[in-house]
Amino acid sequence: MAKYVRLDKIKATAHIESIVATTDLLNGQFVELGDLQPDGEARKATPSGDVTKQLVFHASNGLVYGDQENELDFVLKAGKTGRGYVLETGNIISIDDATLAVKDIVKPDAQGFVKADEAPTEGLRGQVIAVEMDAIAGRLAVIRVTA
């Protein structure tokens, strides 16, 4: 599960949802949207990899220049409001993942992007286009969303 997310190529006009975490969420998890909250803007967000639902990509916490070992910096606590991105074809994001390799096909899972044995025929998917080293996060898999 990724905790460090870099939004490399997301349009300035991207659809961003205000989400309220039903459980603690790490950056990079996919969530399913639930009921609209009393504020009229935020929606409940539950971790999900169900591609038959509209999933959003949780990326709330920004870059932390301090102690990168402090995982608490990357957690959206249950009941708190954060951001969920509606990903679309062409978006490029990077996640810290030691298992993904260039050309791997990935699909959404409640824990984040995971390697797919074969290209999914429905729902969101992507491909690892590069693996980079980041001075803060370490090894990053660069993913291009393909559908």
N, C-alpha and C. Protein backbone atom coordinates (compact mmCIF):
# COMPACT_ATOMS: atom_id res chain seq x y z
N MET A 1 0.85 -1.17 0.00
CA MET A 1 0.00 0.00 0.00
C MET A 1 0.89 1.23 0.00
N ALA A 2 0.62 2.14 -0.92
CA ALA A 2 1.40 3.37 -1.01
C ALA A 2 1.02 4.33 0.12
N LYS A 3 1.95 5.12 0.53
CA LYS A 3 1.63 6.19 1.46
C LYS A 3 2.07 7.53 0.88
N TYR A 4 3.00 7.47 -0.07
CA TYR A 4 3.51 8.68 -0.71
C TYR A 4 2.94 8.73 -2.12
N VAL A 5 2.31 9.83 -2.47
CA VAL A 5 1.72 10.01 -3.78
C VAL A 5 2.21 11.33 -4.37
N ARG A 6 2.61 11.27 -5.64
CA ARG A 6 2.98 12.49 -6.35
C ARG A 6 2.03 12.61 -7.54
N LEU A 7 1.32 13.73 -7.61
CA LEU A 7 0.39 13.97 -8.71
C LEU A 7 1.17 14.64 -9.83
N ASP A 8 1.68 13.85 -10.77
CA ASP A 8 2.56 14.36 -11.81
C ASP A 8 1.83 15.12 -12.90
N LYS A 9 0.73 14.56 -13.38
CA LYS A 9 0.01 15.18 -14.49
C LYS A 9 -1.48 15.04 -14.23
N ILE A 10 -2.03 16.03 -13.58
CA ILE A 10 -3.46 16.11 -13.31
C ILE A 10 -3.90 17.49 -13.80
N LYS A 11 -4.92 17.56 -14.63
CA LYS A 11 -5.37 18.84 -15.17
C LYS A 11 -5.78 19.80 -14.05
N ALA A 12 -5.57 21.07 -14.30
CA ALA A 12 -5.99 22.09 -13.33
C ALA A 12 -7.51 22.06 -13.14
N THR A 13 -8.22 21.53 -14.11
CA THR A 13 -9.68 21.46 -14.04
C THR A 13 -10.17 20.09 -13.59
N ALA A 14 -9.27 19.29 -13.01
CA ALA A 14 -9.63 17.94 -12.58
C ALA A 14 -10.78 17.98 -11.59
N HIS A 15 -11.59 16.93 -11.64
CA HIS A 15 -12.70 16.80 -10.70
C HIS A 15 -12.14 16.28 -9.38
N ILE A 16 -12.27 17.10 -8.35
CA ILE A 16 -11.79 16.74 -7.02
C ILE A 16 -12.99 16.69 -6.09
N GLU A 17 -13.14 15.57 -5.40
CA GLU A 17 -14.23 15.40 -4.44
C GLU A 17 -13.72 15.68 -3.03
N SER A 18 -14.52 16.35 -2.23
CA SER A 18 -14.25 16.44 -0.80
C SER A 18 -14.79 15.15 -0.20
N ILE A 19 -13.93 14.45 0.53
CA ILE A 19 -14.33 13.16 1.09
C ILE A 19 -14.16 13.18 2.61
N VAL A 20 -15.03 12.43 3.28
CA VAL A 20 -14.92 12.23 4.72
C VAL A 20 -14.62 10.75 4.92
N ALA A 21 -13.46 10.47 5.48
CA ALA A 21 -13.00 9.09 5.65
C ALA A 21 -13.87 8.33 6.66
N THR A 22 -14.32 7.14 6.27
CA THR A 22 -15.07 6.28 7.19
C THR A 22 -14.11 5.47 8.06
N THR A 23 -12.87 5.28 7.57
CA THR A 23 -11.79 4.63 8.32
C THR A 23 -10.52 5.42 8.01
N ASP A 24 -9.45 5.19 8.75
CA ASP A 24 -8.19 5.86 8.44
C ASP A 24 -7.78 5.49 7.01
N LEU A 25 -7.38 6.50 6.23
CA LEU A 25 -6.99 6.28 4.84
C LEU A 25 -5.56 6.74 4.61
N LEU A 26 -4.80 5.91 3.91
CA LEU A 26 -3.49 6.33 3.44
C LEU A 26 -3.64 6.95 2.07
N ASN A 27 -2.72 7.85 1.72
CA ASN A 27 -2.70 8.36 0.36
C ASN A 27 -2.56 7.19 -0.60
N GLY A 28 -3.22 7.29 -1.75
CA GLY A 28 -3.11 6.26 -2.77
C GLY A 28 -4.18 5.19 -2.71
N GLN A 29 -5.02 5.20 -1.69
CA GLN A 29 -6.11 4.23 -1.63
C GLN A 29 -7.26 4.69 -2.52
N PHE A 30 -8.00 3.72 -3.06
CA PHE A 30 -9.22 4.04 -3.80
C PHE A 30 -10.40 3.95 -2.86
N VAL A 31 -11.34 4.87 -3.04
CA VAL A 31 -12.53 4.90 -2.20
C VAL A 31 -13.79 5.00 -3.06
N GLU A 32 -14.84 4.44 -2.51
CA GLU A 32 -16.17 4.53 -3.12
C GLU A 32 -16.90 5.65 -2.38
N LEU A 33 -17.58 6.49 -3.15
CA LEU A 33 -18.29 7.61 -2.55
C LEU A 33 -19.65 7.18 -2.02
N GLY A 34 -19.99 7.73 -0.86
CA GLY A 34 -21.26 7.43 -0.22
C GLY A 34 -22.12 8.68 -0.11
N ASP A 35 -22.87 8.76 0.97
CA ASP A 35 -23.82 9.84 1.17
C ASP A 35 -23.17 11.21 1.26
N LEU A 36 -23.91 12.19 0.76
CA LEU A 36 -23.53 13.59 0.89
C LEU A 36 -23.66 13.97 2.36
N GLN A 37 -22.69 14.69 2.86
CA GLN A 37 -22.67 15.07 4.27
C GLN A 37 -23.49 16.34 4.51
N PRO A 38 -23.82 16.66 5.76
CA PRO A 38 -24.66 17.82 6.06
C PRO A 38 -24.11 19.15 5.53
N ASP A 39 -22.79 19.22 5.29
CA ASP A 39 -22.23 20.47 4.76
C ASP A 39 -22.61 20.70 3.30
N GLY A 40 -23.22 19.67 2.67
CA GLY A 40 -23.66 19.80 1.28
C GLY A 40 -22.55 19.67 0.26
N GLU A 41 -21.34 19.36 0.70
CA GLU A 41 -20.22 19.28 -0.22
C GLU A 41 -19.47 17.95 -0.13
N ALA A 42 -19.08 17.57 1.07
CA ALA A 42 -18.28 16.35 1.25
C ALA A 42 -19.16 15.10 1.19
N ARG A 43 -18.53 14.00 0.75
CA ARG A 43 -19.22 12.71 0.70
C ARG A 43 -18.41 11.69 1.48
N LYS A 44 -19.13 10.75 2.12
CA LYS A 44 -18.45 9.67 2.84
C LYS A 44 -17.62 8.87 1.86
N ALA A 45 -16.46 8.39 2.33
CA ALA A 45 -15.55 7.64 1.48
C ALA A 45 -15.12 6.36 2.18
N THR A 46 -15.39 5.23 1.52
CA THR A 46 -15.06 3.92 2.06
C THR A 46 -14.08 3.22 1.12
N PRO A 47 -12.97 2.68 1.64
CA PRO A 47 -12.02 1.98 0.77
C PRO A 47 -12.72 0.91 -0.07
N SER A 48 -12.39 0.89 -1.38
CA SER A 48 -13.03 -0.06 -2.28
C SER A 48 -12.18 -0.25 -3.53
N GLY A 49 -12.26 -1.43 -4.10
CA GLY A 49 -11.64 -1.71 -5.38
C GLY A 49 -12.67 -2.20 -6.38
N ASP A 50 -13.95 -1.99 -6.08
CA ASP A 50 -15.05 -2.45 -6.92
C ASP A 50 -15.14 -1.59 -8.18
N VAL A 51 -14.66 -2.12 -9.30
CA VAL A 51 -14.59 -1.34 -10.54
C VAL A 51 -15.97 -1.07 -11.15
N THR A 52 -17.02 -1.68 -10.61
CA THR A 52 -18.36 -1.37 -11.11
C THR A 52 -18.89 -0.08 -10.49
N LYS A 53 -18.18 0.45 -9.52
CA LYS A 53 -18.55 1.71 -8.85
C LYS A 53 -17.63 2.81 -9.34
N GLN A 54 -18.05 4.06 -9.15
CA GLN A 54 -17.14 5.16 -9.46
C GLN A 54 -16.18 5.31 -8.29
N LEU A 55 -14.92 5.06 -8.56
CA LEU A 55 -13.90 5.14 -7.52
C LEU A 55 -13.14 6.45 -7.65
N VAL A 56 -12.73 6.98 -6.51
CA VAL A 56 -11.86 8.15 -6.52
C VAL A 56 -10.56 7.79 -5.81
N PHE A 57 -9.51 8.47 -6.19
CA PHE A 57 -8.15 8.21 -5.71
C PHE A 57 -7.86 9.18 -4.58
N HIS A 58 -7.65 8.64 -3.37
CA HIS A 58 -7.40 9.51 -2.21
C HIS A 58 -5.98 10.05 -2.24
N ALA A 59 -5.86 11.37 -2.19
CA ALA A 59 -4.56 12.05 -2.13
C ALA A 59 -4.75 13.35 -1.37
N SER A 60 -4.77 13.25 -0.05
CA SER A 60 -5.05 14.42 0.78
C SER A 60 -3.83 15.14 1.29
N ASN A 61 -2.89 14.38 1.82
CA ASN A 61 -1.79 15.01 2.52
C ASN A 61 -0.68 15.39 1.55
N GLY A 62 -0.21 16.59 1.69
CA GLY A 62 0.84 17.09 0.81
C GLY A 62 2.21 16.56 1.20
N LEU A 63 3.19 17.02 0.49
CA LEU A 63 4.57 16.61 0.71
C LEU A 63 5.03 17.05 2.09
N VAL A 64 5.68 16.16 2.79
CA VAL A 64 6.20 16.44 4.12
C VAL A 64 7.72 16.44 4.03
N TYR A 65 8.35 17.56 4.39
CA TYR A 65 9.80 17.66 4.27
C TYR A 65 10.53 17.20 5.52
N GLY A 66 9.80 16.84 6.54
CA GLY A 66 10.42 16.42 7.79
C GLY A 66 10.76 14.95 7.78
N ASP A 67 10.41 14.27 8.82
CA ASP A 67 10.72 12.88 9.04
C ASP A 67 9.82 12.00 8.17
N GLN A 68 10.35 11.47 7.05
CA GLN A 68 9.52 10.68 6.15
C GLN A 68 9.16 9.33 6.73
N GLU A 69 9.74 8.94 7.84
CA GLU A 69 9.39 7.69 8.48
C GLU A 69 8.12 7.81 9.31
N ASN A 70 7.67 9.02 9.55
CA ASN A 70 6.49 9.24 10.37
C ASN A 70 5.24 9.01 9.54
N GLU A 71 4.73 7.79 9.55
CA GLU A 71 3.59 7.41 8.71
C GLU A 71 2.34 8.24 9.03
N LEU A 72 2.26 8.77 10.24
CA LEU A 72 1.09 9.57 10.60
C LEU A 72 0.91 10.76 9.67
N ASP A 73 1.99 11.24 9.07
CA ASP A 73 1.90 12.37 8.16
C ASP A 73 1.12 12.02 6.89
N PHE A 74 0.93 10.76 6.62
CA PHE A 74 0.30 10.33 5.38
C PHE A 74 -1.08 9.72 5.60
N VAL A 75 -1.66 9.90 6.77
CA VAL A 75 -2.94 9.30 7.10
C VAL A 75 -4.02 10.36 7.24
N LEU A 76 -5.16 10.11 6.58
CA LEU A 76 -6.35 10.92 6.80
C LEU A 76 -7.18 10.14 7.82
N LYS A 77 -7.30 10.69 9.00
CA LYS A 77 -7.99 10.01 10.10
C LYS A 77 -9.49 9.89 9.81
N ALA A 78 -10.09 8.82 10.31
CA ALA A 78 -11.54 8.61 10.16
C ALA A 78 -12.29 9.83 10.68
N GLY A 79 -13.28 10.27 9.90
CA GLY A 79 -14.09 11.42 10.29
C GLY A 79 -13.55 12.75 9.79
N LYS A 80 -12.31 12.77 9.30
CA LYS A 80 -11.70 14.00 8.80
C LYS A 80 -11.98 14.15 7.30
N THR A 81 -11.91 15.38 6.82
CA THR A 81 -12.17 15.68 5.42
C THR A 81 -10.87 15.75 4.64
N GLY A 82 -10.88 15.15 3.45
CA GLY A 82 -9.71 15.15 2.58
C GLY A 82 -10.12 15.31 1.13
N ARG A 83 -9.20 14.92 0.22
CA ARG A 83 -9.44 15.06 -1.21
C ARG A 83 -9.40 13.72 -1.92
N GLY A 84 -10.31 13.55 -2.88
CA GLY A 84 -10.33 12.39 -3.74
C GLY A 84 -10.37 12.85 -5.18
N TYR A 85 -9.47 12.34 -5.99
CA TYR A 85 -9.38 12.73 -7.40
C TYR A 85 -10.10 11.71 -8.28
N VAL A 86 -10.92 12.20 -9.19
CA VAL A 86 -11.56 11.36 -10.19
C VAL A 86 -10.55 11.26 -11.33
N LEU A 87 -9.88 10.12 -11.42
CA LEU A 87 -8.83 9.95 -12.42
C LEU A 87 -9.44 9.74 -13.80
N GLU A 88 -8.71 10.21 -14.81
CA GLU A 88 -9.16 10.04 -16.19
C GLU A 88 -7.97 9.67 -17.06
N THR A 89 -8.26 9.16 -18.26
CA THR A 89 -7.23 8.74 -19.19
C THR A 89 -6.21 9.86 -19.39
N GLY A 90 -4.95 9.50 -19.30
CA GLY A 90 -3.86 10.46 -19.50
C GLY A 90 -3.27 10.99 -18.22
N ASN A 91 -3.98 10.87 -17.10
CA ASN A 91 -3.42 11.31 -15.82
C ASN A 91 -2.17 10.49 -15.52
N ILE A 92 -1.19 11.13 -14.90
CA ILE A 92 0.01 10.43 -14.48
C ILE A 92 0.24 10.72 -13.01
N ILE A 93 0.39 9.64 -12.25
CA ILE A 93 0.67 9.76 -10.81
C ILE A 93 1.82 8.83 -10.47
N SER A 94 2.50 9.14 -9.39
CA SER A 94 3.58 8.28 -8.91
C SER A 94 3.26 7.86 -7.49
N ILE A 95 3.53 6.58 -7.20
CA ILE A 95 3.29 6.05 -5.85
C ILE A 95 4.53 5.29 -5.40
N ASP A 96 4.77 5.28 -4.09
CA ASP A 96 5.89 4.48 -3.58
C ASP A 96 5.43 3.03 -3.52
N ASP A 97 6.05 2.20 -4.35
CA ASP A 97 5.70 0.79 -4.42
C ASP A 97 6.93 0.02 -4.89
N ALA A 98 7.40 -0.88 -4.06
CA ALA A 98 8.61 -1.63 -4.37
C ALA A 98 8.36 -2.84 -5.27
N THR A 99 7.10 -3.17 -5.55
CA THR A 99 6.81 -4.39 -6.29
C THR A 99 6.51 -4.16 -7.77
N LEU A 100 6.10 -2.96 -8.15
CA LEU A 100 5.72 -2.71 -9.54
C LEU A 100 6.94 -2.45 -10.42
N ALA A 101 6.83 -2.89 -11.68
CA ALA A 101 7.92 -2.73 -12.65
C ALA A 101 7.36 -2.07 -13.91
N VAL A 102 8.26 -1.52 -14.71
CA VAL A 102 7.87 -0.89 -15.97
C VAL A 102 7.09 -1.89 -16.82
N LYS A 103 6.02 -1.44 -17.43
CA LYS A 103 5.10 -2.19 -18.30
C LYS A 103 4.04 -2.99 -17.54
N ASP A 104 4.12 -3.03 -16.20
CA ASP A 104 3.08 -3.71 -15.44
C ASP A 104 1.75 -3.01 -15.66
N ILE A 105 0.69 -3.79 -15.82
CA ILE A 105 -0.67 -3.27 -15.89
C ILE A 105 -1.20 -3.23 -14.45
N VAL A 106 -1.83 -2.13 -14.07
CA VAL A 106 -2.34 -1.99 -12.71
C VAL A 106 -3.84 -1.71 -12.74
N LYS A 107 -4.48 -2.06 -11.63
CA LYS A 107 -5.91 -1.83 -11.49
C LYS A 107 -6.16 -1.33 -10.06
N PRO A 108 -7.33 -0.71 -9.83
CA PRO A 108 -7.62 -0.22 -8.49
C PRO A 108 -7.96 -1.35 -7.53
N ASP A 109 -7.62 -1.11 -6.29
CA ASP A 109 -7.91 -2.03 -5.19
C ASP A 109 -8.15 -1.13 -3.98
N ALA A 110 -8.79 -1.64 -2.97
CA ALA A 110 -9.03 -0.85 -1.76
C ALA A 110 -7.73 -0.36 -1.14
N GLN A 111 -6.63 -1.05 -1.43
CA GLN A 111 -5.33 -0.64 -0.88
C GLN A 111 -4.56 0.29 -1.80
N GLY A 112 -5.05 0.52 -3.03
CA GLY A 112 -4.36 1.37 -4.00
C GLY A 112 -4.22 0.64 -5.32
N PHE A 113 -3.30 1.09 -6.17
CA PHE A 113 -3.05 0.39 -7.42
C PHE A 113 -2.33 -0.91 -7.12
N VAL A 114 -2.79 -1.99 -7.75
CA VAL A 114 -2.14 -3.30 -7.63
C VAL A 114 -1.92 -3.87 -9.03
N LYS A 115 -0.92 -4.74 -9.14
CA LYS A 115 -0.62 -5.37 -10.42
C LYS A 115 -1.78 -6.27 -10.84
N ALA A 116 -2.16 -6.18 -12.12
CA ALA A 116 -3.21 -7.03 -12.67
C ALA A 116 -2.55 -8.16 -13.46
N ASP A 117 -3.10 -9.36 -13.34
CA ASP A 117 -2.56 -10.49 -14.09
C ASP A 117 -2.77 -10.30 -15.59
N GLU A 118 -3.87 -9.66 -15.94
CA GLU A 118 -4.15 -9.32 -17.33
C GLU A 118 -4.91 -7.99 -17.33
N ALA A 119 -4.93 -7.33 -18.47
CA ALA A 119 -5.58 -6.02 -18.55
C ALA A 119 -7.07 -6.15 -18.25
N PRO A 120 -7.57 -5.40 -17.27
CA PRO A 120 -9.01 -5.45 -16.97
C PRO A 120 -9.82 -4.98 -18.17
N THR A 121 -10.99 -5.55 -18.36
CA THR A 121 -11.83 -5.18 -19.49
C THR A 121 -12.81 -4.06 -19.14
N GLU A 122 -12.94 -3.76 -17.85
CA GLU A 122 -13.82 -2.67 -17.44
C GLU A 122 -13.20 -1.90 -16.29
N GLY A 123 -13.66 -0.67 -16.14
CA GLY A 123 -13.20 0.14 -15.03
C GLY A 123 -11.84 0.77 -15.27
N LEU A 124 -11.38 1.45 -14.26
CA LEU A 124 -10.12 2.16 -14.30
C LEU A 124 -8.94 1.20 -14.35
N ARG A 125 -7.92 1.56 -15.12
CA ARG A 125 -6.69 0.78 -15.16
C ARG A 125 -5.56 1.70 -15.59
N GLY A 126 -4.36 1.20 -15.46
CA GLY A 126 -3.20 2.00 -15.83
C GLY A 126 -2.02 1.11 -16.16
N GLN A 127 -0.91 1.76 -16.49
CA GLN A 127 0.31 1.04 -16.80
C GLN A 127 1.49 1.79 -16.19
N VAL A 128 2.43 1.02 -15.64
CA VAL A 128 3.64 1.63 -15.10
C VAL A 128 4.52 2.01 -16.28
N ILE A 129 4.83 3.31 -16.40
CA ILE A 129 5.62 3.78 -17.54
C ILE A 129 7.07 4.06 -17.16
N ALA A 130 7.36 4.13 -15.86
CA ALA A 130 8.73 4.36 -15.40
C ALA A 130 8.83 4.01 -13.92
N VAL A 131 10.04 3.80 -13.49
CA VAL A 131 10.34 3.65 -12.07
C VAL A 131 11.43 4.67 -11.79
N GLU A 132 11.20 5.53 -10.80
CA GLU A 132 12.13 6.60 -10.48
C GLU A 132 12.54 6.53 -9.02
N MET A 133 13.64 7.17 -8.72
CA MET A 133 14.07 7.32 -7.33
C MET A 133 13.82 8.76 -6.92
N ASP A 134 13.17 8.92 -5.77
CA ASP A 134 12.87 10.24 -5.23
C ASP A 134 13.69 10.41 -3.95
N ALA A 135 14.26 11.60 -3.77
CA ALA A 135 15.12 11.85 -2.62
C ALA A 135 14.38 11.67 -1.30
N ILE A 136 13.09 11.93 -1.29
CA ILE A 136 12.32 11.84 -0.05
C ILE A 136 11.62 10.49 0.07
N ALA A 137 10.93 10.08 -0.99
CA ALA A 137 10.09 8.88 -0.91
C ALA A 137 10.81 7.59 -1.28
N GLY A 138 11.91 7.68 -1.98
CA GLY A 138 12.60 6.47 -2.44
C GLY A 138 12.07 6.03 -3.78
N ARG A 139 11.82 4.73 -3.95
CA ARG A 139 11.41 4.16 -5.24
C ARG A 139 9.96 4.49 -5.53
N LEU A 140 9.72 5.09 -6.70
CA LEU A 140 8.36 5.46 -7.13
C LEU A 140 8.00 4.77 -8.44
N ALA A 141 6.81 4.19 -8.50
CA ALA A 141 6.27 3.66 -9.75
C ALA A 141 5.44 4.78 -10.37
N VAL A 142 5.78 5.14 -11.60
CA VAL A 142 5.07 6.19 -12.33
C VAL A 142 3.98 5.51 -13.17
N ILE A 143 2.73 5.86 -12.91
CA ILE A 143 1.59 5.19 -13.54
C ILE A 143 0.84 6.17 -14.44
N ARG A 144 0.58 5.73 -15.68
CA ARG A 144 -0.28 6.48 -16.59
C ARG A 144 -1.62 5.79 -16.63
N VAL A 145 -2.68 6.55 -16.33
CA VAL A 145 -4.02 6.01 -16.38
C VAL A 145 -4.40 5.83 -17.84
N THR A 146 -4.85 4.61 -18.19
CA THR A 146 -5.17 4.30 -19.59
C THR A 146 -6.67 4.15 -19.83
N ALA A 147 -7.47 4.12 -18.82
CA ALA A 147 -8.94 4.08 -18.99
C ALA A 147 -9.62 4.35 -17.68
